[in-house]
PDB file of N, CA and C in Angstrom:
ATOM      1  N   MET A   1      18.294  34.170 246.944  1.00  0.00           N
ATOM      2  CA  MET A   1      19.176  33.490 245.872  1.00  0.00           C
ATOM      3  C   MET A   1      18.872  33.022 244.877  1.00  0.00           C
ATOM      4  N   ILE A   2      17.739  31.894 245.274  1.00  0.00           N
ATOM      5  CA  ILE A   2      17.162  31.101 243.891  1.00  0.00           C
ATOM      6  C   ILE A   2      16.678  32.057 243.035  1.00  0.00           C
ATOM      7  N   CYS A   3      15.939  33.239 243.568  1.00  0.00           N
ATOM      8  CA  CYS A   3      15.276  34.319 242.657  1.00  0.00           C
ATOM      9  C   CYS A   3      16.212  35.095 241.728  1.00  0.00           C
ATOM     10  N   ARG A   4      17.668  35.212 242.332  1.00  0.00           N
ATOM     11  CA  ARG A   4      18.720  35.849 241.835  1.00  0.00           C
ATOM     12  C   ARG A   4      19.068  34.995 240.426  1.00  0.00           C
ATOM     13  N   LEU A   5      19.185  33.563 240.863  1.00  0.00           N
ATOM     14  CA  LEU A   5      19.595  32.669 239.939  1.00  0.00           C
ATOM     15  C   LEU A   5      18.971  32.206 238.835  1.00  0.00           C
ATOM     16  N   LEU A   6      17.360  32.200 239.264  1.00  0.00           N
ATOM     17  CA  LEU A   6      16.243  32.375 237.996  1.00  0.00           C
ATOM     18  C   LEU A   6      16.445  33.567 236.981  1.00  0.00           C
ATOM     19  N   ASN A   7      16.695  34.822 237.478  1.00  0.00           N
ATOM     20  CA  ASN A   7      16.825  35.811 236.793  1.00  0.00           C
ATOM     21  C   ASN A   7      18.158  36.457 236.242  1.00  0.00           C
ATOM     22  N   SER A   8      18.906  35.444 236.647  1.00  0.00           N
ATOM     23  CA  SER A   8      20.302  35.568 235.916  1.00  0.00           C
ATOM     24  C   SER A   8      20.606  35.609 234.400  1.00  0.00           C
ATOM     25  N   PRO A   9      21.487  36.351 233.461  1.00  0.00           N
ATOM     26  CA  PRO A   9      21.401  36.024 232.404  1.00  0.00           C
ATOM     27  C   PRO A   9      21.739  34.656 231.701  1.00  0.00           C
ATOM     28  N   LEU A  10      22.383  33.808 232.629  1.00  0.00           N
ATOM     29  CA  LEU A  10      22.695  32.511 232.217  1.00  0.00           C
ATOM     30  C   LEU A  10      21.644  31.760 232.353  1.00  0.00           C
ATOM     31  N   SER A  11      20.956  31.843 233.282  1.00  0.00           N
ATOM     32  CA  SER A  11      19.498  30.990 233.439  1.00  0.00           C
ATOM     33  C   SER A  11      18.627  31.414 232.352  1.00  0.00           C
ATOM     34  N   THR A  12      18.397  32.796 232.058  1.00  0.00           N
ATOM     35  CA  THR A  12      17.692  33.064 231.031  1.00  0.00           C
ATOM     36  C   THR A  12      17.994  32.514 229.430  1.00  0.00           C
ATOM     37  N   THR A  13      19.238  32.475 229.363  1.00  0.00           N
ATOM     38  CA  THR A  13      20.014  32.174 228.239  1.00  0.00           C
ATOM     39  C   THR A  13      19.564  30.715 228.100  1.00  0.00           C
ATOM     40  N   ARG A  14      19.666  29.894 228.959  1.00  0.00           N
ATOM     41  CA  ARG A  14      19.277  28.327 229.080  1.00  0.00           C
ATOM     42  C   ARG A  14      17.861  28.211 228.785  1.00  0.00           C
ATOM     43  N   ALA A  15      17.242  29.041 229.274  1.00  0.00           N
ATOM     44  CA  ALA A  15      15.545  29.054 229.431  1.00  0.00           C
ATOM     45  C   ALA A  15      15.215  29.251 227.995  1.00  0.00           C
ATOM     46  N   ASN A  16      15.964  30.185 227.292  1.00  0.00           N
ATOM     47  CA  ASN A  16      15.661  30.552 225.747  1.00  0.00           C
ATOM     48  C   ASN A  16      16.084  29.354 224.788  1.00  0.00           C
ATOM     49  N   ARG A  17      17.285  28.962 225.119  1.00  0.00           N
ATOM     50  CA  ARG A  17      17.660  27.920 224.267  1.00  0.00           C
ATOM     51  C   ARG A  17      17.073  26.592 224.460  1.00  0.00           C
ATOM     52  N   ALA A  18      16.262  26.414 225.429  1.00  0.00           N
ATOM     53  CA  ALA A  18      15.496  24.996 225.671  1.00  0.00           C
ATOM     54  C   ALA A  18      14.233  25.489 224.747  1.00  0.00           C
ATOM     55  N   GLU A  19      13.801  26.519 224.988  1.00  0.00           N
ATOM     56  CA  GLU A  19      12.434  27.072 224.282  1.00  0.00           C
ATOM     57  C   GLU A  19      12.656  26.951 222.986  1.00  0.00           C
ATOM     58  N   LEU A  20      13.773  27.337 222.315  1.00  0.00           N
ATOM     59  CA  LEU A  20      13.942  27.681 220.981  1.00  0.00           C
ATOM     60  C   LEU A  20      14.263  26.025 220.307  1.00  0.00           C
ATOM     61  N   GLU A  21      14.879  25.438 221.304  1.00  0.00           N
ATOM     62  CA  GLU A  21      15.012  23.661 220.705  1.00  0.00           C
ATOM     63  C   GLU A  21      13.509  23.204 220.773  1.00  0.00           C
ATOM     64  N   GLU A  22      12.963  23.442 221.865  1.00  0.00           N
ATOM     65  CA  GLU A  22      11.482  22.680 221.535  1.00  0.00           C
ATOM     66  C   GLU A  22      10.750  23.213 220.351  1.00  0.00           C
ATOM     67  N   LYS A  23      10.831  24.753 220.221  1.00  0.00           N
ATOM     68  CA  LYS A  23       9.777  25.147 219.071  1.00  0.00           C
ATOM     69  C   LYS A  23      10.488  24.539 217.878  1.00  0.00           C
ATOM     70  N   THR A  24      11.930  24.422 217.715  1.00  0.00           N
ATOM     71  CA  THR A  24      12.424  23.612 216.337  1.00  0.00           C
ATOM     72  C   THR A  24      11.942  22.215 216.596  1.00  0.00           C
ATOM     73  N   ARG A  25      12.047  21.338 217.461  1.00  0.00           N
ATOM     74  CA  ARG A  25      11.680  20.140 217.491  1.00  0.00           C
ATOM     75  C   ARG A  25       9.977  20.233 217.084  1.00  0.00           C
ATOM     76  N   LEU A  26       9.243  20.955 217.483  1.00  0.00           N
ATOM     77  CA  LEU A  26       7.834  21.109 217.252  1.00  0.00           C
ATOM     78  C   LEU A  26       7.511  21.296 215.686  1.00  0.00           C
ATOM     79  N   ILE A  27       8.160  22.212 215.223  1.00  0.00           N
ATOM     80  CA  ILE A  27       8.156  22.686 214.063  1.00  0.00           C
ATOM     81  C   ILE A  27       8.485  21.489 213.075  1.00  0.00           C
ATOM     82  N   ASN A  28       9.550  20.912 213.320  1.00  0.00           N
ATOM     83  CA  ASN A  28      10.250  19.793 212.462  1.00  0.00           C
ATOM     84  C   ASN A  28       9.227  18.650 212.471  1.00  0.00           C
ATOM     85  N   GLN A  29       8.441  18.538 213.595  1.00  0.00           N
ATOM     86  CA  GLN A  29       7.514  17.508 213.626  1.00  0.00           C
ATOM     87  C   GLN A  29       6.244  17.836 212.954  1.00  0.00           C
ATOM     88  N   VAL A  30       5.929  18.961 213.062  1.00  0.00           N
ATOM     89  CA  VAL A  30       4.613  19.438 212.222  1.00  0.00           C
ATOM     90  C   VAL A  30       4.871  19.503 210.642  1.00  0.00           C
ATOM     91  N   LEU A  31       6.253  19.758 210.161  1.00  0.00           N
ATOM     92  CA  LEU A  31       6.482  19.482 208.702  1.00  0.00           C
ATOM     93  C   LEU A  31       6.504  18.159 208.520  1.00  0.00           C
ATOM     94  N   GLU A  32       6.898  17.224 209.303  1.00  0.00           N
ATOM     95  CA  GLU A  32       6.757  15.961 208.910  1.00  0.00           C
ATOM     96  C   GLU A  32       5.561  15.093 208.723  1.00  0.00           C
ATOM     97  N   LEU A  33       4.604  15.651 209.844  1.00  0.00           N
ATOM     98  CA  LEU A  33       3.409  15.430 209.588  1.00  0.00           C
ATOM     99  C   LEU A  33       2.552  15.896 208.268  1.00  0.00           C
ATOM    100  N   GLN A  34       2.991  16.974 208.006  1.00  0.00           N
ATOM    101  CA  GLN A  34       2.436  17.593 206.779  1.00  0.00           C
ATOM    102  C   GLN A  34       2.871  16.734 205.562  1.00  0.00           C
ATOM    103  N   HIS A  35       3.891  16.450 205.486  1.00  0.00           N
ATOM    104  CA  HIS A  35       4.503  15.672 204.393  1.00  0.00           C
ATOM    105  C   HIS A  35       3.949  14.304 204.404  1.00  0.00           C
ATOM    106  N   THR A  36       3.798  13.575 205.557  1.00  0.00           N
ATOM    107  CA  THR A  36       3.271  12.455 205.814  1.00  0.00           C
ATOM    108  C   THR A  36       1.618  12.623 205.066  1.00  0.00           C
ATOM    109  N   LEU A  37       0.999  13.808 205.530  1.00  0.00           N
ATOM    110  CA  LEU A  37      -0.522  14.020 205.320  1.00  0.00           C
ATOM    111  C   LEU A  37      -0.573  14.075 203.741  1.00  0.00           C
ATOM    112  N   GLU A  38       0.389  14.833 202.850  1.00  0.00           N
ATOM    113  CA  GLU A  38       0.643  14.694 201.546  1.00  0.00           C
ATOM    114  C   GLU A  38       0.603  13.605 200.913  1.00  0.00           C
ATOM    115  N   ASP A  39       1.476  12.721 201.392  1.00  0.00           N
ATOM    116  CA  ASP A  39       1.734  11.403 200.919  1.00  0.00           C
ATOM    117  C   ASP A  39       0.431  10.809 201.008  1.00  0.00           C
ATOM    118  N   LEU A  40      -0.107  10.632 202.356  1.00  0.00           N
ATOM    119  CA  LEU A  40      -1.348   9.882 202.200  1.00  0.00           C
ATOM    120  C   LEU A  40      -2.264  10.436 201.382  1.00  0.00           C
ATOM    121  N   SER A  41      -2.685  11.809 201.145  1.00  0.00           N
ATOM    122  CA  SER A  41      -3.534  12.429 200.208  1.00  0.00           C
ATOM    123  C   SER A  41      -3.246  11.675 198.722  1.00  0.00           C
ATOM    124  N   ALA A  42      -2.396  11.748 198.475  1.00  0.00           N
ATOM    125  CA  ALA A  42      -1.762  11.251 197.073  1.00  0.00           C
ATOM    126  C   ALA A  42      -1.951   9.834 197.077  1.00  0.00           C
ATOM    127  N   ARG A  43      -2.047   9.089 197.829  1.00  0.00           N
ATOM    128  CA  ARG A  43      -2.201   7.541 197.737  1.00  0.00           C
ATOM    129  C   ARG A  43      -3.667   7.666 197.947  1.00  0.00           C
ATOM    130  N   VAL A  44      -4.549   8.314 198.505  1.00  0.00           N
ATOM    131  CA  VAL A  44      -6.208   8.314 198.524  1.00  0.00           C
ATOM    132  C   VAL A  44      -6.383   8.522 196.932  1.00  0.00           C
ATOM    133  N   ASP A  45      -5.819   9.522 196.370  1.00  0.00           N
ATOM    134  CA  ASP A  45      -6.338   9.954 195.229  1.00  0.00           C
ATOM    135  C   ASP A  45      -5.709   8.533 194.166  1.00  0.00           C
ATOM    136  N   ALA A  46      -4.551   8.138 194.271  1.00  0.00           N
ATOM    137  CA  ALA A  46      -4.459   6.924 193.535  1.00  0.00           C
ATOM    138  C   ALA A  46      -5.369   5.951 193.377  1.00  0.00           C
ATOM    139  N   VAL A  47      -5.793   5.423 194.833  1.00  0.00           N
ATOM    140  CA  VAL A  47      -6.718   4.578 194.971  1.00  0.00           C
ATOM    141  C   VAL A  47      -8.054   4.835 194.366  1.00  0.00           C
ATOM    142  N   LYS A  48      -8.442   5.988 194.627  1.00  0.00           N
ATOM    143  CA  LYS A  48      -9.658   6.654 194.159  1.00  0.00           C
ATOM    144  C   LYS A  48      -9.772   6.510 192.321  1.00  0.00           C
ATOM    145  N   GLU A  49      -8.708   6.751 191.907  1.00  0.00           N
ATOM    146  CA  GLU A  49      -8.538   6.525 190.599  1.00  0.00           C
ATOM    147  C   GLU A  49      -8.660   5.060 189.980  1.00  0.00           C
ATOM    148  N   GLU A  50      -8.078   4.100 190.815  1.00  0.00           N
ATOM    149  CA  GLU A  50      -7.978   2.775 190.543  1.00  0.00           C
ATOM    150  C   GLU A  50      -9.222   2.374 191.028  1.00  0.00           C
ATOM    151  N   ASN A  51      -9.884   2.616 191.665  1.00  0.00           N
ATOM    152  CA  ASN A  51     -11.223   1.951 192.064  1.00  0.00           C
ATOM    153  C   ASN A  51     -12.097   2.404 190.957  1.00  0.00           C
ATOM    154  N   LEU A  52     -12.078   3.512 190.315  1.00  0.00           N
ATOM    155  CA  LEU A  52     -13.157   4.064 189.259  1.00  0.00           C
ATOM    156  C   LEU A  52     -12.841   3.134 188.141  1.00  0.00           C
ATOM    157  N   LYS A  53     -11.600   2.852 187.701  1.00  0.00           N
ATOM    158  CA  LYS A  53     -10.959   1.763 186.642  1.00  0.00           C
ATOM    159  C   LYS A  53     -11.519   0.551 186.876  1.00  0.00           C
ATOM    160  N   LEU A  54     -11.503   0.242 188.034  1.00  0.00           N
ATOM    161  CA  LEU A  54     -11.865  -1.110 188.379  1.00  0.00           C
ATOM    162  C   LEU A  54     -13.444  -1.541 188.265  1.00  0.00           C
ATOM    163  N   LYS A  55     -14.202  -0.359 188.619  1.00  0.00           N
ATOM    164  CA  LYS A  55     -15.599  -0.283 188.469  1.00  0.00           C
ATOM    165  C   LYS A  55     -16.017  -0.416 187.248  1.00  0.00           C
ATOM    166  N   SER A  56     -15.271   0.662 186.292  1.00  0.00           N
ATOM    167  CA  SER A  56     -15.650   0.449 184.867  1.00  0.00           C
ATOM    168  C   SER A  56     -15.548  -0.765 184.140  1.00  0.00           C
ATOM    169  N   GLU A  57     -14.135  -1.522 184.270  1.00  0.00           N
ATOM    170  CA  GLU A  57     -13.784  -2.832 183.903  1.00  0.00           C
ATOM    171  C   GLU A  57     -15.178  -3.904 184.265  1.00  0.00           C
ATOM    172  N   ASN A  58     -15.441  -3.655 185.835  1.00  0.00           N
ATOM    173  CA  ASN A  58     -16.149  -4.642 186.033  1.00  0.00           C
ATOM    174  C   ASN A  58     -17.865  -4.519 185.379  1.00  0.00           C
ATOM    175  N   GLN A  59     -17.990  -3.309 184.953  1.00  0.00           N
ATOM    176  CA  GLN A  59     -19.253  -3.101 184.429  1.00  0.00           C
ATOM    177  C   GLN A  59     -19.342  -3.736 182.918  1.00  0.00           C
ATOM    178  N   VAL A  60     -18.240  -3.358 182.027  1.00  0.00           N
ATOM    179  CA  VAL A  60     -17.981  -4.119 180.824  1.00  0.00           C
ATOM    180  C   VAL A  60     -17.936  -5.673 181.078  1.00  0.00           C
ATOM    181  N   LEU A  61     -17.262  -6.369 181.988  1.00  0.00           N
ATOM    182  CA  LEU A  61     -17.385  -7.711 182.059  1.00  0.00           C
ATOM    183  C   LEU A  61     -18.964  -8.041 182.754  1.00  0.00           C
ATOM    184  N   GLY A  62     -19.451  -7.324 183.277  1.00  0.00           N
ATOM    185  CA  GLY A  62     -20.812  -7.786 183.595  1.00  0.00           C
ATOM    186  C   GLY A  62     -21.659  -7.812 182.298  1.00  0.00           C
ATOM    187  N   GLN A  63     -21.586  -6.770 181.562  1.00  0.00           N
ATOM    188  CA  GLN A  63     -22.261  -6.789 180.552  1.00  0.00           C
ATOM    189  C   GLN A  63     -21.974  -7.749 179.393  1.00  0.00           C
ATOM    190  N   TYR A  64     -20.594  -8.109 179.363  1.00  0.00           N
ATOM    191  CA  TYR A  64     -20.187  -9.232 178.283  1.00  0.00           C
ATOM    192  C   TYR A  64     -20.685 -10.467 179.092  1.00  0.00           C
ATOM    193  N   ILE A  65     -20.541 -10.874 180.259  1.00  0.00           N
ATOM    194  CA  ILE A  65     -21.492 -11.901 181.066  1.00  0.00           C
ATOM    195  C   ILE A  65     -22.730 -12.200 180.690  1.00  0.00           C
ATOM    196  N   GLU A  66     -23.524 -11.120 180.859  1.00  0.00           N
ATOM    197  CA  GLU A  66     -24.926 -11.226 180.407  1.00  0.00           C
ATOM    198  C   GLU A  66     -25.273 -11.284 178.893  1.00  0.00           C
ATOM    199  N   ASN A  67     -24.460 -10.764 178.134  1.00  0.00           N
ATOM    200  CA  ASN A  67     -24.534 -11.006 176.625  1.00  0.00           C
ATOM    201  C   ASN A  67     -24.550 -12.324 176.526  1.00  0.00           C
ATOM    202  N   LEU A  68     -23.376 -13.103 177.169  1.00  0.00           N
ATOM    203  CA  LEU A  68     -23.232 -14.679 176.813  1.00  0.00           C
ATOM    204  C   LEU A  68     -24.367 -15.264 177.658  1.00  0.00           C
ATOM    205  N   MET A  69     -24.595 -14.932 178.464  1.00  0.00           N
ATOM    206  CA  MET A  69     -25.943 -15.951 179.054  1.00  0.00           C
ATOM    207  C   MET A  69     -26.957 -15.737 178.368  1.00  0.00           C
ATOM    208  N   SER A  70     -27.370 -14.553 177.533  1.00  0.00           N
ATOM    209  CA  SER A  70     -28.590 -14.317 176.863  1.00  0.00           C
ATOM    210  C   SER A  70     -28.489 -15.229 175.582  1.00  0.00           C
ATOM    211  N   ALA A  71     -27.115 -15.306 175.018  1.00  0.00           N
ATOM    212  CA  ALA A  71     -27.337 -15.993 173.667  1.00  0.00           C
ATOM    213  C   ALA A  71     -26.975 -17.367 173.899  1.00  0.00           C
ATOM    214  N   SER A  72     -26.855 -17.963 175.126  1.00  0.00           N
ATOM    215  CA  SER A  72     -26.731 -19.454 175.378  1.00  0.00           C
ATOM    216  C   SER A  72     -28.335 -19.990 175.672  1.00  0.00           C
ATOM    217  N   SER A  73     -28.351 -21.172 175.336  1.00  0.00           N
ATOM    218  CA  SER A  73     -29.843 -21.589 175.540  1.00  0.00           C
ATOM    219  C   SER A  73     -29.924 -22.423 177.002  1.00  0.00           C
ATOM    220  N   VAL A  74     -28.473 -22.392 177.454  1.00  0.00           N
ATOM    221  CA  VAL A  74     -28.599 -23.094 178.986  1.00  0.00           C
ATOM    222  C   VAL A  74     -29.154 -22.219 180.014  1.00  0.00           C
ATOM    223  N   PHE A  75     -29.067 -20.882 179.752  1.00  0.00           N
ATOM    224  CA  PHE A  75     -29.321 -19.855 180.600  1.00  0.00           C
ATOM    225  C   PHE A  75     -30.760 -18.987 180.399  1.00  0.00           C
ATOM    226  N   GLN A  76     -31.410 -19.847 179.179  1.00  0.00           N
ATOM    227  CA  GLN A  76     -32.557 -19.042 178.922  1.00  0.00           C
ATOM    228  C   GLN A  76     -33.546 -19.323 180.004  1.00  0.00           C
ATOM    229  N   THR A  77     -34.427 -18.262 180.374  1.00  0.00           N
ATOM    230  CA  THR A  77     -35.361 -18.450 181.432  1.00  0.00           C
ATOM    231  C   THR A  77     -36.950 -19.294 180.618  1.00  0.00           C
ATOM    232  N   THR A  78     -37.403 -20.215 181.292  1.00  0.00           N
ATOM    233  CA  THR A  78     -38.404 -20.934 181.016  1.00  0.00           C
ATOM    234  C   THR A  78     -39.523 -20.455 181.955  1.00  0.00           C
ATOM    235  N   ASP A  79     -40.730 -20.783 181.291  1.00  0.00           N
ATOM    236  CA  ASP A  79     -42.166 -20.496 182.095  1.00  0.00           C
ATOM    237  C   ASP A  79     -42.606 -21.645 182.924  1.00  0.00           C
ATOM    238  N   THR A  80     -41.932 -21.956 184.110  1.00  0.00           N
ATOM    239  CA  THR A  80     -42.175 -22.760 184.866  1.00  0.00           C
ATOM    240  C   THR A  80     -43.617 -23.029 185.003  1.00  0.00           C
ATOM    241  N   LYS A  81     -44.558 -22.256 185.054  1.00  0.00           N
ATOM    242  CA  LYS A  81     -46.208 -22.260 185.554  1.00  0.00           C
ATOM    243  C   LYS A  81     -46.767 -23.111 184.317  1.00  0.00           C
ATOM    244  N   SER A  82     -46.383 -23.101 182.836  1.00  0.00           N
ATOM    245  CA  SER A  82     -46.887 -23.684 182.041  1.00  0.00           C
ATOM    246  C   SER A  82     -46.433 -25.220 182.049  1.00  0.00           C
ATOM    247  N   LYS A  83     -45.263 -25.603 182.579  1.00  0.00           N
ATOM    248  CA  LYS A  83     -44.852 -26.791 182.555  1.00  0.00           C
ATOM    249  C   LYS A  83     -45.437 -27.506 183.737  1.00  0.00           C
ATOM    250  N   ARG A  84     -45.790 -26.843 185.009  1.00  0.00           N
ATOM    251  CA  ARG A  84     -46.318 -27.626 185.997  1.00  0.00           C
ATOM    252  C   ARG A  84     -47.688 -27.919 185.726  1.00  0.00           C
ATOM    253  N   LYS A  85     -48.323 -27.443 184.891  1.00  0.00           N
ATOM    254  CA  LYS A  85     -49.836 -27.780 184.904  1.00  0.00           C
ATOM    255  C   LYS A  85     -49.924 -29.196 183.962  1.00  0.00           C
TER     256      LYS A  85
END
């Protein structure tokens, strides 16, 4: 009798409906994850761009500080060996 129930059209329809619902749920989950991945990828690209910009600004500031230090007598290097003698 159980075999007849499992093979009945009603049971098959329920199984098909459950399978279809599961497939739909999985497809929706995959689509959501794809959108999340796209968003994260865009964020990574934006952060990379900002990082390059900040590196460039850091180089400019480093050069500026180096120029200021070389122009100032306070930061001039001295020959310490000749002063020790």
